[in-house]
């Protein structure tokens, strides 16, 4: 049997028997779901999030813009690509355009979707939508009051070296930068 031919453990889709709201927040909610799958019932704590738009801005000189900002959960400043939470029902590309202008202060004549992925599907509904932005024009940053960041422009060889040596620790940035770099003939070695 080939890997792709495997059948799920049960033919029926697991059923949510009960969903209880535990917390309602600005960025995410938390709920407790009671699941029935096959002959088993179990509970899952779920962090519900509307998703995120992630964008890799690449300038005509081949540099990519990253932002350095304090991430309280990590307890330190991290170097990341621009990203932000989507509003309920917001189109991911529109969110990426918004984040690009807010954080980097540019508009892109060209935006290409690179991929989308779940961040941590064991407990989090957040899906990240990754875009590449090129043909950039300066329009000035439009930071929100709590966005305290600095912009750093780096070449892909510099970025890949930082990924290798721990200078970039954010997973969404690593995945996105590796995909974007390959579009310009740069690969992690």
Protein backbone atom coordinates (compact mmCIF):
# COMPACT_ATOMS: atom_id res chain seq x y z
CA UNK A 1 0.00 0.00 0.00
CA UNK A 2 1.34 3.41 -0.97
CA UNK A 3 1.50 6.26 1.57
CA UNK A 4 -1.24 8.20 -0.26
CA UNK A 5 -3.60 5.19 -0.31
CA UNK A 6 -3.96 4.98 3.47
CA UNK A 7 -7.48 5.31 4.78
CA UNK A 8 -8.37 7.32 7.88
CA UNK A 9 -8.75 5.37 11.12
CA UNK A 10 -12.53 5.64 10.81
CA UNK A 11 -14.69 6.15 7.78
CA UNK A 12 -16.86 8.73 9.51
CA UNK A 13 -15.73 12.28 10.18
CA UNK A 14 -15.27 12.94 13.89
CA UNK A 15 -18.31 14.69 15.38
CA UNK A 16 -18.20 17.66 17.73
CA UNK A 17 -20.63 16.78 20.51
CA UNK A 18 -20.24 20.00 22.44
CA UNK A 19 -18.26 23.22 22.11
CA UNK A 20 -17.86 25.49 25.13
CA UNK A 21 -16.41 28.99 24.92
CA UNK A 22 -13.72 29.48 27.57
CA UNK A 23 -12.27 32.85 26.55
CA UNK A 24 -13.10 35.61 24.04
CA UNK A 25 -10.16 37.83 23.16
CA UNK A 26 -9.11 40.55 20.74
CA UNK A 27 -6.85 38.28 18.65
CA UNK A 28 -8.08 34.77 19.45
CA UNK A 29 -10.74 32.83 21.36
CA UNK A 30 -10.40 29.58 23.29
CA UNK A 31 -12.98 26.83 23.35
CA UNK A 32 -13.28 23.31 24.72
CA UNK A 33 -14.62 20.80 22.20
CA UNK A 34 -15.96 17.36 23.09
CA UNK A 35 -15.26 15.04 20.10
CA UNK A 36 -16.74 11.65 19.20
CA UNK A 37 -14.53 9.62 16.84
CA UNK A 38 -15.20 5.95 16.22
CA UNK A 39 -15.80 4.43 19.66
CA UNK A 40 -13.90 7.14 21.54
CA UNK A 41 -14.91 10.47 23.07
CA UNK A 42 -12.29 13.02 24.01
CA UNK A 43 -11.81 16.72 24.77
CA UNK A 44 -9.69 19.20 22.82
CA UNK A 45 -8.77 22.73 23.88
CA UNK A 46 -8.80 24.85 20.73
CA UNK A 47 -7.37 28.32 20.16
CA UNK A 48 -9.54 29.86 17.42
CA UNK A 49 -7.80 32.47 15.25
CA UNK A 50 -8.95 34.09 11.97
CA UNK A 51 -5.62 33.47 10.27
CA UNK A 52 -2.69 35.67 9.32
CA UNK A 53 -1.33 37.40 6.26
CA UNK A 54 2.43 37.06 5.83
CA UNK A 55 4.39 38.97 3.22
CA UNK A 56 7.99 38.94 1.99
CA UNK A 57 8.82 42.34 0.47
CA UNK A 58 11.74 42.14 -1.98
CA UNK A 59 13.19 45.38 -3.35
CA UNK A 60 14.72 45.94 -6.80
CA UNK A 61 18.22 45.65 -5.30
CA UNK A 62 17.43 42.08 -4.19
CA UNK A 63 17.13 42.84 -0.48
CA UNK A 64 14.18 41.69 1.58
CA UNK A 65 12.68 43.83 4.33
CA UNK A 66 12.29 42.27 7.75
CA UNK A 67 11.09 43.81 10.99
CA UNK A 68 12.68 43.53 14.41
CA UNK A 69 10.21 43.73 17.26
CA UNK A 70 9.78 42.61 20.84
CA UNK A 71 7.81 39.39 21.19
CA UNK A 72 6.70 39.04 24.77
CA UNK A 73 5.92 35.31 24.52
CA UNK A 74 9.55 34.70 23.45
CA UNK A 75 10.85 37.28 25.92
CA UNK A 76 13.07 38.99 23.36
CA UNK A 77 13.32 40.92 20.11
CA UNK A 78 12.91 38.74 17.02
CA UNK A 79 13.66 39.40 13.37
CA UNK A 80 10.62 38.49 11.26
CA UNK A 81 8.92 39.23 7.98
CA UNK A 82 5.86 41.50 8.10
CA UNK A 83 2.68 39.71 9.16
CA UNK A 84 -0.56 40.37 10.90
CA UNK A 85 -3.83 38.82 11.98
CA UNK A 86 -6.72 38.86 9.55
CA UNK A 87 -10.04 40.35 10.53
CA UNK A 88 -12.98 37.94 10.43
CA UNK A 89 -13.80 37.35 6.75
CA UNK A 90 -10.88 39.46 5.48
CA UNK A 91 -9.25 38.33 2.25
CA UNK A 92 -5.69 37.14 2.91
CA UNK A 93 -4.17 39.10 0.01
CA UNK A 94 -5.89 42.29 1.20
CA UNK A 95 -4.47 41.64 4.67
CA UNK A 96 -0.99 41.19 3.21
CA UNK A 97 -1.28 44.48 1.30
CA UNK A 98 -2.39 46.22 4.52
CA UNK A 99 0.49 44.78 6.57
CA UNK A 100 3.03 45.66 3.88
CA UNK A 101 1.97 49.30 3.94
CA UNK A 102 1.62 49.51 7.73
CA UNK A 103 4.90 47.86 8.70
CA UNK A 104 7.26 48.51 5.77
CA UNK A 105 5.64 51.60 4.25
CA UNK A 106 5.50 50.36 0.67
CA UNK A 107 2.95 49.31 -1.93
CA UNK A 108 3.62 46.48 -4.35
CA UNK A 109 2.80 46.48 -8.05
CA UNK A 110 3.15 42.70 -7.93
CA UNK A 111 1.94 40.30 -5.22
CA UNK A 112 2.21 36.54 -5.62
CA UNK A 113 0.89 33.89 -3.26
CA UNK A 114 3.67 31.47 -2.25
CA UNK A 115 1.87 29.07 0.08
CA UNK A 116 -0.47 28.66 3.01
CA UNK A 117 -0.04 26.49 6.10
CA UNK A 118 -1.39 25.75 9.55
CA UNK A 119 0.84 27.02 12.34
CA UNK A 120 0.14 24.32 14.91
CA UNK A 121 -2.96 22.28 13.98
CA UNK A 122 -2.95 20.22 17.17
CA UNK A 123 -4.63 23.06 19.07
CA UNK A 124 -4.67 26.21 16.91
CA UNK A 125 -6.96 27.01 13.94
CA UNK A 126 -4.65 29.74 12.61
CA UNK A 127 -3.67 29.39 8.97
CA UNK A 128 -0.96 31.61 7.54
CA UNK A 129 -1.14 32.85 3.96
CA UNK A 130 2.27 33.78 2.54
CA UNK A 131 2.81 36.29 -0.27
CA UNK A 132 5.80 37.68 -2.15
CA UNK A 133 5.71 41.43 -2.88
CA UNK A 134 7.86 43.00 -5.59
CA UNK A 135 7.99 46.22 -7.64
CA UNK A 136 7.75 48.25 -4.43
CA UNK A 137 6.97 51.96 -4.10
CA UNK A 138 7.54 53.95 -0.91
CA UNK A 139 4.33 55.34 0.66
CA UNK A 140 5.40 55.73 4.31
CA UNK A 141 4.73 53.48 7.29
CA UNK A 142 1.33 53.47 8.98
CA UNK A 143 2.18 51.70 12.23
CA UNK A 144 -0.50 51.01 14.82
CA UNK A 145 0.06 52.58 18.25
CA UNK A 146 1.50 49.35 19.71
CA UNK A 147 3.70 48.43 16.73
CA UNK A 148 7.22 49.30 17.84
CA UNK A 149 9.56 47.93 15.22
CA UNK A 150 12.58 48.66 13.11
CA UNK A 151 13.08 47.64 9.49
CA UNK A 152 16.18 45.72 8.40
CA UNK A 153 16.93 45.03 4.74
CA UNK A 154 19.08 41.99 4.05
CA UNK A 155 20.19 39.94 1.06
CA UNK A 156 19.06 36.33 0.80
CA UNK A 157 22.58 34.98 1.48
CA UNK A 158 22.63 37.08 4.69
CA UNK A 159 19.13 35.85 5.61
CA UNK A 160 20.03 32.21 5.02
CA UNK A 161 23.15 32.57 7.16
CA UNK A 162 20.98 34.03 9.95
CA UNK A 163 18.56 31.10 9.64
CA UNK A 164 21.49 28.67 9.94
CA UNK A 165 23.05 30.41 12.95
CA UNK A 166 19.87 31.19 14.92
CA UNK A 167 19.64 34.88 14.04
CA UNK A 168 16.14 34.27 12.66
CA UNK A 169 14.10 32.07 15.02
CA UNK A 170 10.56 32.67 13.79
CA UNK A 171 9.21 29.65 11.86
CA UNK A 172 6.83 31.58 9.56
CA UNK A 173 9.73 33.80 8.54
CA UNK A 174 12.04 30.86 7.89
CA UNK A 175 9.54 29.01 5.70
CA UNK A 176 8.49 32.15 3.83
CA UNK A 177 12.03 33.41 3.25
CA UNK A 178 13.21 30.01 1.99
CA UNK A 179 10.33 29.93 -0.52
CA UNK A 180 10.81 33.56 -1.59
CA UNK A 181 14.59 33.15 -1.93
CA UNK A 182 14.15 30.22 -4.29
CA UNK A 183 12.15 32.50 -6.63
CA UNK A 184 15.35 34.55 -7.04
CA UNK A 185 17.73 31.58 -7.34
CA UNK A 186 18.83 31.53 -3.69
CA UNK A 187 18.77 28.28 -1.74
CA UNK A 188 19.76 27.33 1.80
CA UNK A 189 22.96 25.29 1.68
